[in-house]
Amino acid sequence: MEERERGIERVRDTLTRAGFYVSDAHGIRPTSFDLLARRDSTLLLLKVLKNIDSLSPEDALRLNEVAGLFHARTLLIGQASGATRLEPGVVYTRYGVPIVVEETFEEFLLHGIPPFLVSSPGGIFARIDGPRLQGLREARGLSLGALAQVAGVTRRTIQLYEEGGGAEVSIVTRIEEFLHETVVKPIELMPAHAPRGSPSEQEPGKKESAPAEHVPPAPTGDPVRDDVFRRLGTMGWEVVVTIRCPFDAFTHGAQGGEEEILLTAVGSLRSAQHRAEVLQGIARAIEGYSMFVTSQPTGRESVDGLPILSVSELRRHRDRSELLDLLTEREGT
């Protein structure tokens, strides 16, 4: 087993021990993510790499795009950048994707110990809890100048810290040792996220608008896929064609007062057998549905519990409720 494979297994084990349901997508190639994990309302989309330099801007874009569809948080677990090993307790960033080492990830999930340091082009910094620092300074009757002298910085720098600026680790250490108090803020790897379609996602004071007129997805160049996506669109689904995912389209839309999500893959029966477990696992994690559409009838209603429909069967369905009822009926058959 390669080092990356072992790393994925270790990360999956950590997630499981932390109470997450985990769907493993890393066996599907190509794919933009390795693991999708859910615990209550927290949804994580993870990529595991030995060397984070192998993450390209396009990889990060795809990862963030899929996370946006799921309303998930992205996280990359890495070991090194070039020949330099990454440090525990530090959050790195590449192309908008946060990165930590396995040790930091495990400490956070299993022991509730968050990271406190952030890597930036200028070095490694801690985020100061400005109001706390100011309160501690004033409670001790210290002036800006007095604390600046202790920290070895200027008065203006202390003001910036009290406004929430970052500080080098050595400076933070001097301040905390002098005050005998912690003044840094932990970094939240999994900040709370509003559920899809919740009022907090709307602009303040803006009323919910009427559903937009259906806009068909752009052609993919594959006539079978294009036909399937058009059919779903005419049922009222919003269809988002995906790239480098175990599914070919992310489809969603309001149904009975709630938003339903359907992951759709198109291809051969052999491909369905390869993707069945992954598609079902992702659908369970996002509390949605999945289906696989083939160009020709197969004589089967499901593959390893994944609902199978031929294109001709899909054409006979014009109602979303009817389609979802059929998928539910075929799950596990």
C-alpha atoms as a PDB file:
ATOM      1  CA  MET A   1       0.000   0.000   0.000  1.00  0.00           C
ATOM      2  CA  GLU A   2       1.359   3.439  -0.965  1.00  0.00           C
ATOM      3  CA  GLU A   3       1.929   6.151   1.635  1.00  0.00           C
ATOM      4  CA  ARG A   4      -1.019   8.216   0.363  1.00  0.00           C
ATOM      5  CA  GLU A   5      -3.302   5.173   0.613  1.00  0.00           C
ATOM      6  CA  ARG A   6      -2.166   4.599   4.194  1.00  0.00           C
ATOM      7  CA  GLY A   7      -2.745   8.257   4.962  1.00  0.00           C
ATOM      8  CA  ILE A   8      -6.303   8.085   3.638  1.00  0.00           C
ATOM      9  CA  GLU A   9      -6.985   5.030   5.795  1.00  0.00           C
ATOM     10  CA  ARG A  10      -5.629   6.783   8.894  1.00  0.00           C
ATOM     11  CA  VAL A  11      -7.717   9.895   8.224  1.00  0.00           C
ATOM     12  CA  ARG A  12     -10.793   7.766   7.637  1.00  0.00           C
ATOM     13  CA  ASP A  13     -10.171   5.946  10.927  1.00  0.00           C
ATOM     14  CA  THR A  14      -9.867   9.258  12.776  1.00  0.00           C
ATOM     15  CA  LEU A  15     -13.150  10.479  11.309  1.00  0.00           C
ATOM     16  CA  THR A  16     -14.906   7.245  12.231  1.00  0.00           C
ATOM     17  CA  ARG A  17     -13.607   7.364  15.804  1.00  0.00           C
ATOM     18  CA  ALA A  18     -14.820  10.972  16.017  1.00  0.00           C
ATOM     19  CA  GLY A  19     -18.350   9.848  15.161  1.00  0.00           C
ATOM     20  CA  PHE A  20     -18.455  10.770  11.476  1.00  0.00           C
ATOM     21  CA  TYR A  21     -20.146   8.754   8.755  1.00  0.00           C
ATOM     22  CA  VAL A  22     -17.507   8.508   6.017  1.00  0.00           C
ATOM     23  CA  SER A  23     -17.913   7.926   2.302  1.00  0.00           C
ATOM     24  CA  ASP A  24     -14.690   6.900   0.550  1.00  0.00           C
ATOM     25  CA  ALA A  25     -14.344   8.205  -3.013  1.00  0.00           C
ATOM     26  CA  HIS A  26     -10.582   7.922  -3.454  1.00  0.00           C
ATOM     27  CA  GLY A  27     -10.830   4.674  -5.428  1.00  0.00           C
ATOM     28  CA  ILE A  28     -12.669   6.463  -8.260  1.00  0.00           C
ATOM     29  CA  ARG A  29     -10.411   8.046 -10.851  1.00  0.00           C
ATOM     30  CA  PRO A  30     -10.352  10.837 -11.578  1.00  0.00           C
ATOM     31  CA  THR A  31     -11.938  12.447  -8.520  1.00  0.00           C
ATOM     32  CA  SER A  32     -11.522  15.864  -6.972  1.00  0.00           C
ATOM     33  CA  PHE A  33     -11.823  14.623  -3.374  1.00  0.00           C
ATOM     34  CA  ASP A  34     -10.958  11.506  -1.375  1.00  0.00           C
ATOM     35  CA  LEU A  35     -13.396  11.433   1.537  1.00  0.00           C
ATOM     36  CA  LEU A  36     -16.778  12.954   2.348  1.00  0.00           C
ATOM     37  CA  ALA A  37     -17.683  12.853   6.035  1.00  0.00           C
ATOM     38  CA  ARG A  38     -20.759  13.894   7.986  1.00  0.00           C
ATOM     39  CA  ARG A  39     -21.482  14.312  11.690  1.00  0.00           C
ATOM     40  CA  ASP A  40     -24.810  15.939  12.510  1.00  0.00           C
ATOM     41  CA  SER A  41     -24.874  19.156  10.461  1.00  0.00           C
ATOM     42  CA  THR A  42     -21.115  19.184   9.837  1.00  0.00           C
ATOM     43  CA  LEU A  43     -20.074  18.062   6.362  1.00  0.00           C
ATOM     44  CA  LEU A  44     -16.392  17.755   5.436  1.00  0.00           C
ATOM     45  CA  LEU A  45     -14.837  17.268   2.009  1.00  0.00           C
ATOM     46  CA  LEU A  46     -11.265  16.023   2.362  1.00  0.00           C
ATOM     47  CA  LYS A  47      -8.242  15.503   0.156  1.00  0.00           C
ATOM     48  CA  VAL A  48      -5.158  13.635   1.383  1.00  0.00           C
ATOM     49  CA  LEU A  49      -1.754  14.312  -0.202  1.00  0.00           C
ATOM     50  CA  LYS A  50       1.765  13.382   0.776  1.00  0.00           C
ATOM     51  CA  ASN A  51       3.192  16.556  -0.768  1.00  0.00           C
ATOM     52  CA  ILE A  52       0.882  19.570  -0.879  1.00  0.00           C
ATOM     53  CA  ASP A  53       2.828  21.009  -3.814  1.00  0.00           C
ATOM     54  CA  SER A  54       0.997  18.496  -6.010  1.00  0.00           C
ATOM     55  CA  LEU A  55      -2.256  20.426  -5.442  1.00  0.00           C
ATOM     56  CA  SER A  56      -2.771  22.494  -8.575  1.00  0.00           C
ATOM     57  CA  PRO A  57      -4.999  25.578  -8.864  1.00  0.00           C
ATOM     58  CA  GLU A  58      -7.399  23.473 -10.942  1.00  0.00           C
ATOM     59  CA  ASP A  59      -7.509  20.767  -8.253  1.00  0.00           C
ATOM     60  CA  ALA A  60      -8.308  23.353  -5.593  1.00  0.00           C
ATOM     61  CA  LEU A  61     -10.969  24.923  -7.803  1.00  0.00           C
ATOM     62  CA  ARG A  62     -12.710  21.568  -8.337  1.00  0.00           C
ATOM     63  CA  LEU A  63     -12.499  20.745  -4.642  1.00  0.00           C
ATOM     64  CA  ASN A  64     -14.027  24.074  -3.648  1.00  0.00           C
ATOM     65  CA  GLU A  65     -16.688  23.828  -6.348  1.00  0.00           C
ATOM     66  CA  VAL A  66     -17.896  20.439  -5.094  1.00  0.00           C
ATOM     67  CA  ALA A  67     -17.776  21.648  -1.496  1.00  0.00           C
ATOM     68  CA  GLY A  68     -19.924  24.600  -2.530  1.00  0.00           C
ATOM     69  CA  LEU A  69     -22.536  22.286  -4.023  1.00  0.00           C
ATOM     70  CA  PHE A  70     -22.695  20.217  -0.832  1.00  0.00           C
ATOM     71  CA  HIS A  71     -22.287  23.219   1.487  1.00  0.00           C
ATOM     72  CA  ALA A  72     -19.342  21.354   2.959  1.00  0.00           C
ATOM     73  CA  ARG A  73     -16.054  22.501   4.438  1.00  0.00           C
ATOM     74  CA  THR A  74     -12.874  21.646   2.555  1.00  0.00           C
ATOM     75  CA  LEU A  75      -9.753  20.388   4.270  1.00  0.00           C
ATOM     76  CA  LEU A  76      -6.515  19.010   2.893  1.00  0.00           C
ATOM     77  CA  ILE A  77      -4.419  16.654   5.019  1.00  0.00           C
ATOM     78  CA  GLY A  78      -0.779  16.861   3.952  1.00  0.00           C
ATOM     79  CA  GLN A  79       2.679  15.861   5.128  1.00  0.00           C
ATOM     80  CA  ALA A  80       5.197  18.078   3.386  1.00  0.00           C
ATOM     81  CA  SER A  81       5.810  20.980   1.044  1.00  0.00           C
ATOM     82  CA  GLY A  82       8.696  19.999  -1.181  1.00  0.00           C
ATOM     83  CA  ALA A  83      11.394  18.583   1.084  1.00  0.00           C
ATOM     84  CA  THR A  84      10.097  20.448   4.166  1.00  0.00           C
ATOM     85  CA  ARG A  85       7.754  18.677   6.547  1.00  0.00           C
ATOM     86  CA  LEU A  86       4.687  20.621   7.658  1.00  0.00           C
ATOM     87  CA  GLU A  87       4.478  21.555  11.334  1.00  0.00           C
ATOM     88  CA  PRO A  88       1.785  20.278  13.722  1.00  0.00           C
ATOM     89  CA  GLY A  89      -0.548  22.896  15.194  1.00  0.00           C
ATOM     90  CA  VAL A  90      -0.227  25.095  12.096  1.00  0.00           C
ATOM     91  CA  VAL A  91      -2.882  25.790   9.463  1.00  0.00           C
ATOM     92  CA  TYR A  92      -1.465  26.234   5.964  1.00  0.00           C
ATOM     93  CA  THR A  93      -3.378  27.402   2.887  1.00  0.00           C
ATOM     94  CA  ARG A  94      -3.060  26.715  -0.831  1.00  0.00           C
ATOM     95  CA  TYR A  95      -5.435  28.294  -3.350  1.00  0.00           C
ATOM     96  CA  GLY A  96      -8.057  28.863  -0.675  1.00  0.00           C
ATOM     97  CA  VAL A  97      -7.889  25.318   0.750  1.00  0.00           C
ATOM     98  CA  PRO A  98      -6.889  24.976   4.441  1.00  0.00           C
ATOM     99  CA  ILE A  99      -4.201  22.359   5.129  1.00  0.00           C
ATOM    100  CA  VAL A 100      -3.112  20.578   8.317  1.00  0.00           C
ATOM    101  CA  VAL A 101      -1.028  17.529   9.145  1.00  0.00           C
ATOM    102  CA  GLU A 102      -2.618  14.315  10.425  1.00  0.00           C
ATOM    103  CA  GLU A 103      -1.509  14.996  13.999  1.00  0.00           C
ATOM    104  CA  THR A 104      -3.306  18.355  14.063  1.00  0.00           C
ATOM    105  CA  PHE A 105      -6.415  16.828  12.501  1.00  0.00           C
ATOM    106  CA  GLU A 106      -6.494  14.000  15.039  1.00  0.00           C
ATOM    107  CA  GLU A 107      -5.888  16.294  18.023  1.00  0.00           C
ATOM    108  CA  PHE A 108      -8.726  18.540  16.908  1.00  0.00           C
ATOM    109  CA  LEU A 109     -11.307  15.819  16.237  1.00  0.00           C
ATOM    110  CA  LEU A 110     -10.500  13.358  19.009  1.00  0.00           C
ATOM    111  CA  HIS A 111      -9.207  15.594  21.807  1.00  0.00           C
ATOM    112  CA  GLY A 112     -10.762  18.980  21.058  1.00  0.00           C
ATOM    113  CA  ILE A 113      -7.360  20.673  20.740  1.00  0.00           C
ATOM    114  CA  PRO A 114      -7.560  23.302  17.985  1.00  0.00           C
ATOM    115  CA  PRO A 115      -4.569  24.706  16.091  1.00  0.00           C
ATOM    116  CA  PHE A 116      -3.442  28.197  17.065  1.00  0.00           C
ATOM    117  CA  LEU A 117      -0.935  29.040  14.340  1.00  0.00           C
ATOM    118  CA  VAL A 118      -1.293  30.155  10.731  1.00  0.00           C
ATOM    119  CA  SER A 119       1.350  29.961   8.026  1.00  0.00           C
ATOM    120  CA  SER A 120       1.694  32.940   5.714  1.00  0.00           C
ATOM    121  CA  PRO A 121       4.352  34.122   3.234  1.00  0.00           C
ATOM    122  CA  GLY A 122       5.978  36.100   6.062  1.00  0.00           C
ATOM    123  CA  GLY A 123       6.247  33.165   8.444  1.00  0.00           C
ATOM    124  CA  ILE A 124       4.124  31.489  11.106  1.00  0.00           C
ATOM    125  CA  PHE A 125       1.793  33.695  13.103  1.00  0.00           C
ATOM    126  CA  ALA A 126      -0.785  33.460  15.877  1.00  0.00           C
ATOM    127  CA  ARG A 127      -4.075  35.316  15.742  1.00  0.00           C
ATOM    128  CA  ILE A 128      -4.410  37.644  18.703  1.00  0.00           C
ATOM    129  CA  ASP A 129      -7.672  37.919  20.621  1.00  0.00           C
ATOM    130  CA  GLY A 130      -7.648  41.719  20.507  1.00  0.00           C
ATOM    131  CA  PRO A 131     -10.373  42.529  23.051  1.00  0.00           C
ATOM    132  CA  ARG A 132      -8.881  40.026  25.512  1.00  0.00           C
ATOM    133  CA  LEU A 133      -5.388  41.471  25.144  1.00  0.00           C
ATOM    134  CA  GLN A 134      -6.671  45.000  25.637  1.00  0.00           C
ATOM    135  CA  GLY A 135      -8.732  43.955  28.664  1.00  0.00           C
ATOM    136  CA  LEU A 136      -5.782  42.199  30.300  1.00  0.00           C
ATOM    137  CA  ARG A 137      -3.475  45.176  29.641  1.00  0.00           C
ATOM    138  CA  GLU A 138      -5.917  47.716  31.043  1.00  0.00           C
ATOM    139  CA  ALA A 139      -6.778  45.519  34.062  1.00  0.00           C
ATOM    140  CA  ARG A 140      -3.092  45.547  34.987  1.00  0.00           C
ATOM    141  CA  GLY A 141      -2.775  49.281  34.421  1.00  0.00           C
ATOM    142  CA  LEU A 142      -0.278  48.856  31.609  1.00  0.00           C
ATOM    143  CA  SER A 143       0.143  51.451  28.909  1.00  0.00           C
ATOM    144  CA  LEU A 144       0.599  50.580  25.267  1.00  0.00           C
ATOM    145  CA  GLY A 145       4.221  51.616  25.573  1.00  0.00           C
ATOM    146  CA  ALA A 146       4.877  49.416  28.608  1.00  0.00           C
ATOM    147  CA  LEU A 147       3.493  46.310  26.916  1.00  0.00           C
ATOM    148  CA  ALA A 148       5.309  47.223  23.686  1.00  0.00           C
ATOM    149  CA  GLN A 149       8.596  47.312  25.592  1.00  0.00           C
ATOM    150  CA  VAL A 150       7.935  43.840  27.026  1.00  0.00           C
ATOM    151  CA  ALA A 151       7.015  42.443  23.614  1.00  0.00           C
ATOM    152  CA  GLY A 152       9.887  44.176  21.809  1.00  0.00           C
ATOM    153  CA  VAL A 153       7.587  45.993  19.353  1.00  0.00           C
ATOM    154  CA  THR A 154       6.177  49.475  18.871  1.00  0.00           C
ATOM    155  CA  ARG A 155       3.092  51.000  20.508  1.00  0.00           C
ATOM    156  CA  ARG A 156       1.361  50.995  17.130  1.00  0.00           C
ATOM    157  CA  THR A 157       2.036  47.265  16.799  1.00  0.00           C
ATOM    158  CA  ILE A 158       0.354  46.608  20.158  1.00  0.00           C
ATOM    159  CA  GLN A 159      -2.626  48.633  18.907  1.00  0.00           C
ATOM    160  CA  LEU A 160      -2.777  46.416  15.814  1.00  0.00           C
ATOM    161  CA  TYR A 161      -2.712  43.329  18.028  1.00  0.00           C
ATOM    162  CA  GLU A 162      -5.613  44.723  20.039  1.00  0.00           C
ATOM    163  CA  GLU A 163      -7.479  45.202  16.773  1.00  0.00           C
ATOM    164  CA  GLY A 164      -7.063  41.492  16.054  1.00  0.00           C
ATOM    165  CA  GLY A 165      -3.835  41.438  14.051  1.00  0.00           C
ATOM    166  CA  GLY A 166      -1.500  38.471  13.874  1.00  0.00           C
ATOM    167  CA  ALA A 167       1.786  38.212  15.732  1.00  0.00           C
ATOM    168  CA  GLU A 168       4.938  36.152  15.427  1.00  0.00           C
ATOM    169  CA  VAL A 169       5.127  33.215  17.816  1.00  0.00           C
ATOM    170  CA  SER A 170       8.140  34.610  19.702  1.00  0.00           C
ATOM    171  CA  ILE A 171       6.295  37.877  20.397  1.00  0.00           C
ATOM    172  CA  VAL A 172       3.163  36.067  21.547  1.00  0.00           C
ATOM    173  CA  THR A 173       5.277  33.960  23.884  1.00  0.00           C
ATOM    174  CA  ARG A 174       6.793  37.068  25.492  1.00  0.00           C
ATOM    175  CA  ILE A 175       3.379  38.687  25.980  1.00  0.00           C
ATOM    176  CA  GLU A 176       1.768  35.546  27.408  1.00  0.00           C
ATOM    177  CA  GLU A 177       4.684  34.837  29.770  1.00  0.00           C
ATOM    178  CA  PHE A 178       4.522  38.411  31.048  1.00  0.00           C
ATOM    179  CA  LEU A 179       0.736  38.442  31.518  1.00  0.00           C
ATOM    180  CA  HIS A 180       0.516  34.783  32.603  1.00  0.00           C
ATOM    181  CA  GLU A 181      -2.531  34.537  30.345  1.00  0.00           C
ATOM    182  CA  THR A 182      -3.348  33.197  26.892  1.00  0.00           C
ATOM    183  CA  VAL A 183      -4.064  35.898  24.315  1.00  0.00           C
ATOM    184  CA  VAL A 184      -4.258  33.935  21.064  1.00  0.00           C
ATOM    185  CA  LYS A 185      -7.443  32.763  19.373  1.00  0.00           C
ATOM    186  CA  PRO A 186      -7.861  29.129  18.304  1.00  0.00           C
ATOM    187  CA  ILE A 187      -8.433  28.464  14.617  1.00  0.00           C
ATOM    188  CA  GLU A 188     -11.754  26.812  13.879  1.00  0.00           C
ATOM    189  CA  LEU A 189     -11.229  24.067  11.316  1.00  0.00           C
ATOM    190  CA  MET A 190     -14.949  23.370  11.056  1.00  0.00           C
ATOM    191  CA  PRO A 191     -16.839  26.656  11.483  1.00  0.00           C
ATOM    192  CA  ALA A 192     -20.620  26.455  11.662  1.00  0.00           C
ATOM    193  CA  HIS A 193     -22.315  26.532   8.278  1.00  0.00           C
ATOM    194  CA  ALA A 194     -25.901  27.506   7.646  1.00  0.00           C
ATOM    195  CA  PRO A 195     -27.977  24.625   6.234  1.00  0.00           C
ATOM    196  CA  ARG A 196     -28.700  24.758   2.529  1.00  0.00           C
ATOM    197  CA  GLY A 197     -31.618  27.067   1.832  1.00  0.00           C
ATOM    198  CA  SER A 198     -31.764  28.492   5.365  1.00  0.00           C
ATOM    199  CA  PRO A 199     -32.827  32.121   5.901  1.00  0.00           C
ATOM    200  CA  SER A 200     -29.304  33.083   7.006  1.00  0.00           C
ATOM    201  CA  GLU A 201     -28.060  32.412   3.494  1.00  0.00           C
ATOM    202  CA  GLN A 202     -30.287  35.109   2.049  1.00  0.00           C
ATOM    203  CA  GLU A 203     -29.302  38.741   1.924  1.00  0.00           C
ATOM    204  CA  PRO A 204     -30.564  40.740   4.933  1.00  0.00           C
ATOM    205  CA  GLY A 205     -33.996  42.180   4.296  1.00  0.00           C
ATOM    206  CA  LYS A 206     -34.337  40.367   0.992  1.00  0.00           C
ATOM    207  CA  LYS A 207     -37.463  38.318   0.481  1.00  0.00           C
ATOM    208  CA  GLU A 208     -37.270  34.860  -0.969  1.00  0.00           C
ATOM    209  CA  SER A 209     -37.767  35.140  -4.720  1.00  0.00           C
ATOM    210  CA  ALA A 210     -39.857  32.938  -6.943  1.00  0.00           C
ATOM    211  CA  PRO A 211     -38.111  29.960  -8.547  1.00  0.00           C
ATOM    212  CA  ALA A 212     -36.039  30.956 -11.542  1.00  0.00           C
ATOM    213  CA  GLU A 213     -37.028  29.828 -15.012  1.00  0.00           C
ATOM    214  CA  HIS A 214     -35.345  26.567 -15.967  1.00  0.00           C
ATOM    215  CA  VAL A 215     -32.058  27.049 -17.778  1.00  0.00           C
ATOM    216  CA  PRO A 216     -30.758  23.887 -19.476  1.00  0.00           C
ATOM    217  CA  PRO A 217     -27.161  22.898 -18.686  1.00  0.00           C
ATOM    218  CA  ALA A 218     -24.500  23.586 -21.277  1.00  0.00           C
ATOM    219  CA  PRO A 219     -23.868  20.662 -23.674  1.00  0.00           C
ATOM    220  CA  THR A 220     -21.172  18.235 -22.546  1.00  0.00           C
ATOM    221  CA  GLY A 221     -20.474  16.796 -25.987  1.00  0.00           C
ATOM    222  CA  ASP A 222     -21.898  13.417 -24.940  1.00  0.00           C
ATOM    223  CA  PRO A 223     -25.393  12.996 -26.477  1.00  0.00           C
ATOM    224  CA  VAL A 224     -26.519  10.465 -23.851  1.00  0.00           C
ATOM    225  CA  ARG A 225     -25.480  12.646 -20.922  1.00  0.00           C
ATOM    226  CA  ASP A 226     -26.964  15.729 -22.564  1.00  0.00           C
ATOM    227  CA  ASP A 227     -30.277  13.932 -23.062  1.00  0.00           C
ATOM    228  CA  VAL A 228     -30.346  12.758 -19.422  1.00  0.00           C
ATOM    229  CA  PHE A 229     -29.562  16.216 -18.075  1.00  0.00           C
ATOM    230  CA  ARG A 230     -32.216  17.824 -20.301  1.00  0.00           C
ATOM    231  CA  ARG A 231     -34.794  15.335 -19.021  1.00  0.00           C
ATOM    232  CA  LEU A 232     -33.947  16.149 -15.429  1.00  0.00           C
ATOM    233  CA  GLY A 233     -34.141  19.845 -16.218  1.00  0.00           C
ATOM    234  CA  THR A 234     -37.638  19.521 -17.664  1.00  0.00           C
ATOM    235  CA  MET A 235     -38.718  17.891 -14.380  1.00  0.00           C
ATOM    236  CA  GLY A 236     -37.738  21.086 -12.597  1.00  0.00           C
ATOM    237  CA  TRP A 237     -34.357  20.015 -11.259  1.00  0.00           C
ATOM    238  CA  GLU A 238     -31.506  22.491 -11.370  1.00  0.00           C
ATOM    239  CA  VAL A 239     -28.708  20.564 -13.048  1.00  0.00           C
ATOM    240  CA  VAL A 240     -25.043  21.316 -12.346  1.00  0.00           C
ATOM    241  CA  VAL A 241     -22.676  19.288 -14.525  1.00  0.00           C
ATOM    242  CA  THR A 242     -19.643  18.188 -12.518  1.00  0.00           C
ATOM    243  CA  ILE A 243     -16.058  17.407 -13.492  1.00  0.00           C
ATOM    244  CA  ARG A 244     -13.775  14.841 -11.834  1.00  0.00           C
ATOM    245  CA  CYS A 245     -16.493  13.509  -9.546  1.00  0.00           C
ATOM    246  CA  PRO A 246     -17.985  10.034  -8.998  1.00  0.00           C
ATOM    247  CA  PHE A 247     -21.254  11.546 -10.277  1.00  0.00           C
ATOM    248  CA  ASP A 248     -21.764  13.405 -13.564  1.00  0.00           C
ATOM    249  CA  ALA A 249     -24.351  15.893 -12.362  1.00  0.00           C
ATOM    250  CA  PHE A 250     -25.483  17.426  -9.099  1.00  0.00           C
ATOM    251  CA  THR A 251     -29.210  18.037  -9.378  1.00  0.00           C
ATOM    252  CA  HIS A 252     -31.325  19.741  -6.777  1.00  0.00           C
ATOM    253  CA  GLY A 253     -34.633  21.505  -6.325  1.00  0.00           C
ATOM    254  CA  ALA A 254     -37.473  22.195  -3.908  1.00  0.00           C
ATOM    255  CA  GLN A 255     -39.790  19.258  -3.298  1.00  0.00           C
ATOM    256  CA  GLY A 256     -42.604  19.286  -0.756  1.00  0.00           C
ATOM    257  CA  GLY A 257     -41.234  22.364   1.013  1.00  0.00           C
ATOM    258  CA  GLU A 258     -37.720  20.913   1.287  1.00  0.00           C
ATOM    259  CA  GLU A 259     -34.785  20.822  -1.088  1.00  0.00           C
ATOM    260  CA  GLU A 260     -34.001  17.420  -2.525  1.00  0.00           C
ATOM    261  CA  ILE A 261     -30.589  16.493  -3.916  1.00  0.00           C
ATOM    262  CA  LEU A 262     -30.041  13.853  -6.590  1.00  0.00           C
ATOM    263  CA  LEU A 263     -26.596  12.657  -7.682  1.00  0.00           C
ATOM    264  CA  THR A 264     -26.747  11.379 -11.247  1.00  0.00           C
ATOM    265  CA  ALA A 265     -24.152   9.274 -13.043  1.00  0.00           C
ATOM    266  CA  VAL A 266     -24.375   8.170 -16.665  1.00  0.00           C
ATOM    267  CA  GLY A 267     -22.502   5.321 -18.323  1.00  0.00           C
ATOM    268  CA  SER A 268     -22.210   1.579 -18.772  1.00  0.00           C
ATOM    269  CA  LEU A 269     -23.360  -1.137 -16.385  1.00  0.00           C
ATOM    270  CA  ARG A 270     -19.713  -1.932 -15.683  1.00  0.00           C
ATOM    271  CA  SER A 271     -19.145   1.668 -14.627  1.00  0.00           C
ATOM    272  CA  ALA A 272     -22.205   1.471 -12.383  1.00  0.00           C
ATOM    273  CA  GLN A 273     -20.753  -1.550 -10.611  1.00  0.00           C
ATOM    274  CA  HIS A 274     -17.520   0.363 -10.035  1.00  0.00           C
ATOM    275  CA  ARG A 275     -19.237   3.464  -8.663  1.00  0.00           C
ATOM    276  CA  ALA A 276     -22.197   1.943  -6.787  1.00  0.00           C
ATOM    277  CA  GLU A 277     -20.778   1.921  -3.263  1.00  0.00           C
ATOM    278  CA  VAL A 278     -19.265   5.393  -3.577  1.00  0.00           C
ATOM    279  CA  LEU A 279     -22.419   6.994  -5.015  1.00  0.00           C
ATOM    280  CA  GLN A 280     -24.611   5.475  -2.334  1.00  0.00           C
ATOM    281  CA  GLY A 281     -22.197   6.513   0.398  1.00  0.00           C
ATOM    282  CA  ILE A 282     -22.091  10.126  -0.802  1.00  0.00           C
ATOM    283  CA  ALA A 283     -25.891  10.216  -1.149  1.00  0.00           C
ATOM    284  CA  ARG A 284     -26.289   8.981   2.435  1.00  0.00           C
ATOM    285  CA  ALA A 285     -23.781  11.533   3.717  1.00  0.00           C
ATOM    286  CA  ILE A 286     -25.620  14.449   2.089  1.00  0.00           C
ATOM    287  CA  GLU A 287     -29.046  12.942   2.871  1.00  0.00           C
ATOM    288  CA  GLY A 288     -29.953  12.835  -0.787  1.00  0.00           C
ATOM    289  CA  TYR A 289     -30.605  10.359  -3.606  1.00  0.00           C
ATOM    290  CA  SER A 290     -28.420   8.759  -6.258  1.00  0.00           C
ATOM    291  CA  MET A 291     -29.087   6.993  -9.548  1.00  0.00           C
ATOM    292  CA  PHE A 292     -27.189   5.580 -12.477  1.00  0.00           C
ATOM    293  CA  VAL A 293     -28.569   5.987 -16.009  1.00  0.00           C
ATOM    294  CA  THR A 294     -27.535   3.664 -18.861  1.00  0.00           C
ATOM    295  CA  SER A 295     -28.125   4.121 -22.572  1.00  0.00           C
ATOM    296  CA  GLN A 296     -29.516   0.591 -23.004  1.00  0.00           C
ATOM    297  CA  PRO A 297     -31.917  -1.478 -20.842  1.00  0.00           C
ATOM    298  CA  THR A 298     -29.990  -3.789 -18.518  1.00  0.00           C
ATOM    299  CA  GLY A 299     -32.772  -5.940 -17.108  1.00  0.00           C
ATOM    300  CA  ARG A 300     -31.739  -4.829 -13.611  1.00  0.00           C
ATOM    301  CA  GLU A 301     -33.322  -2.356 -11.219  1.00  0.00           C
ATOM    302  CA  SER A 302     -30.199  -1.784  -9.148  1.00  0.00           C
ATOM    303  CA  VAL A 303     -26.526  -2.628  -8.822  1.00  0.00           C
ATOM    304  CA  ASP A 304     -25.407  -3.307  -5.256  1.00  0.00           C
ATOM    305  CA  GLY A 305     -28.331  -1.173  -4.060  1.00  0.00           C
ATOM    306  CA  LEU A 306     -27.700   1.708  -6.511  1.00  0.00           C
ATOM    307  CA  PRO A 307     -30.890   2.402  -8.538  1.00  0.00           C
ATOM    308  CA  ILE A 308     -30.391   1.815 -12.272  1.00  0.00           C
ATOM    309  CA  LEU A 309     -32.549   3.392 -14.986  1.00  0.00           C
ATOM    310  CA  SER A 310     -32.252   3.216 -18.730  1.00  0.00           C
ATOM    311  CA  VAL A 311     -32.617   6.424 -20.730  1.00  0.00           C
ATOM    312  CA  SER A 312     -35.974   5.173 -22.045  1.00  0.00           C
ATOM    313  CA  GLU A 313     -37.205   4.587 -18.469  1.00  0.00           C
ATOM    314  CA  LEU A 314     -36.155   8.080 -17.464  1.00  0.00           C
ATOM    315  CA  ARG A 315     -38.061   9.537 -20.404  1.00  0.00           C
ATOM    316  CA  ARG A 316     -41.278   8.011 -19.074  1.00  0.00           C
ATOM    317  CA  HIS A 317     -41.017  10.039 -15.873  1.00  0.00           C
ATOM    318  CA  ARG A 318     -42.040  13.679 -15.928  1.00  0.00           C
ATOM    319  CA  ASP A 319     -42.703  14.175 -12.229  1.00  0.00           C
ATOM    320  CA  ARG A 320     -39.929  14.517  -9.657  1.00  0.00           C
ATOM    321  CA  SER A 321     -41.930  12.917  -6.850  1.00  0.00           C
ATOM    322  CA  GLU A 322     -42.625   9.913  -9.032  1.00  0.00           C
ATOM    323  CA  LEU A 323     -38.943   9.589  -9.919  1.00  0.00           C
ATOM    324  CA  LEU A 324     -37.828   9.830  -6.293  1.00  0.00           C
ATOM    325  CA  ASP A 325     -40.419   7.243  -5.283  1.00  0.00           C
ATOM    326  CA  LEU A 326     -39.019   4.901  -7.938  1.00  0.00           C
ATOM    327  CA  LEU A 327     -35.441   5.440  -6.726  1.00  0.00           C
ATOM    328  CA  THR A 328     -36.472   4.749  -3.137  1.00  0.00           C
ATOM    329  CA  GLU A 329     -38.234   1.580  -4.267  1.00  0.00           C
ATOM    330  CA  ARG A 330     -35.178   0.348  -6.146  1.00  0.00           C
ATOM    331  CA  GLU A 331     -32.648   1.084  -3.425  1.00  0.00           C
ATOM    332  CA  GLY A 332     -31.406  -2.149  -1.957  1.00  0.00           C
ATOM    333  CA  THR A 333     -33.177  -4.384  -4.505  1.00  0.00           C
END
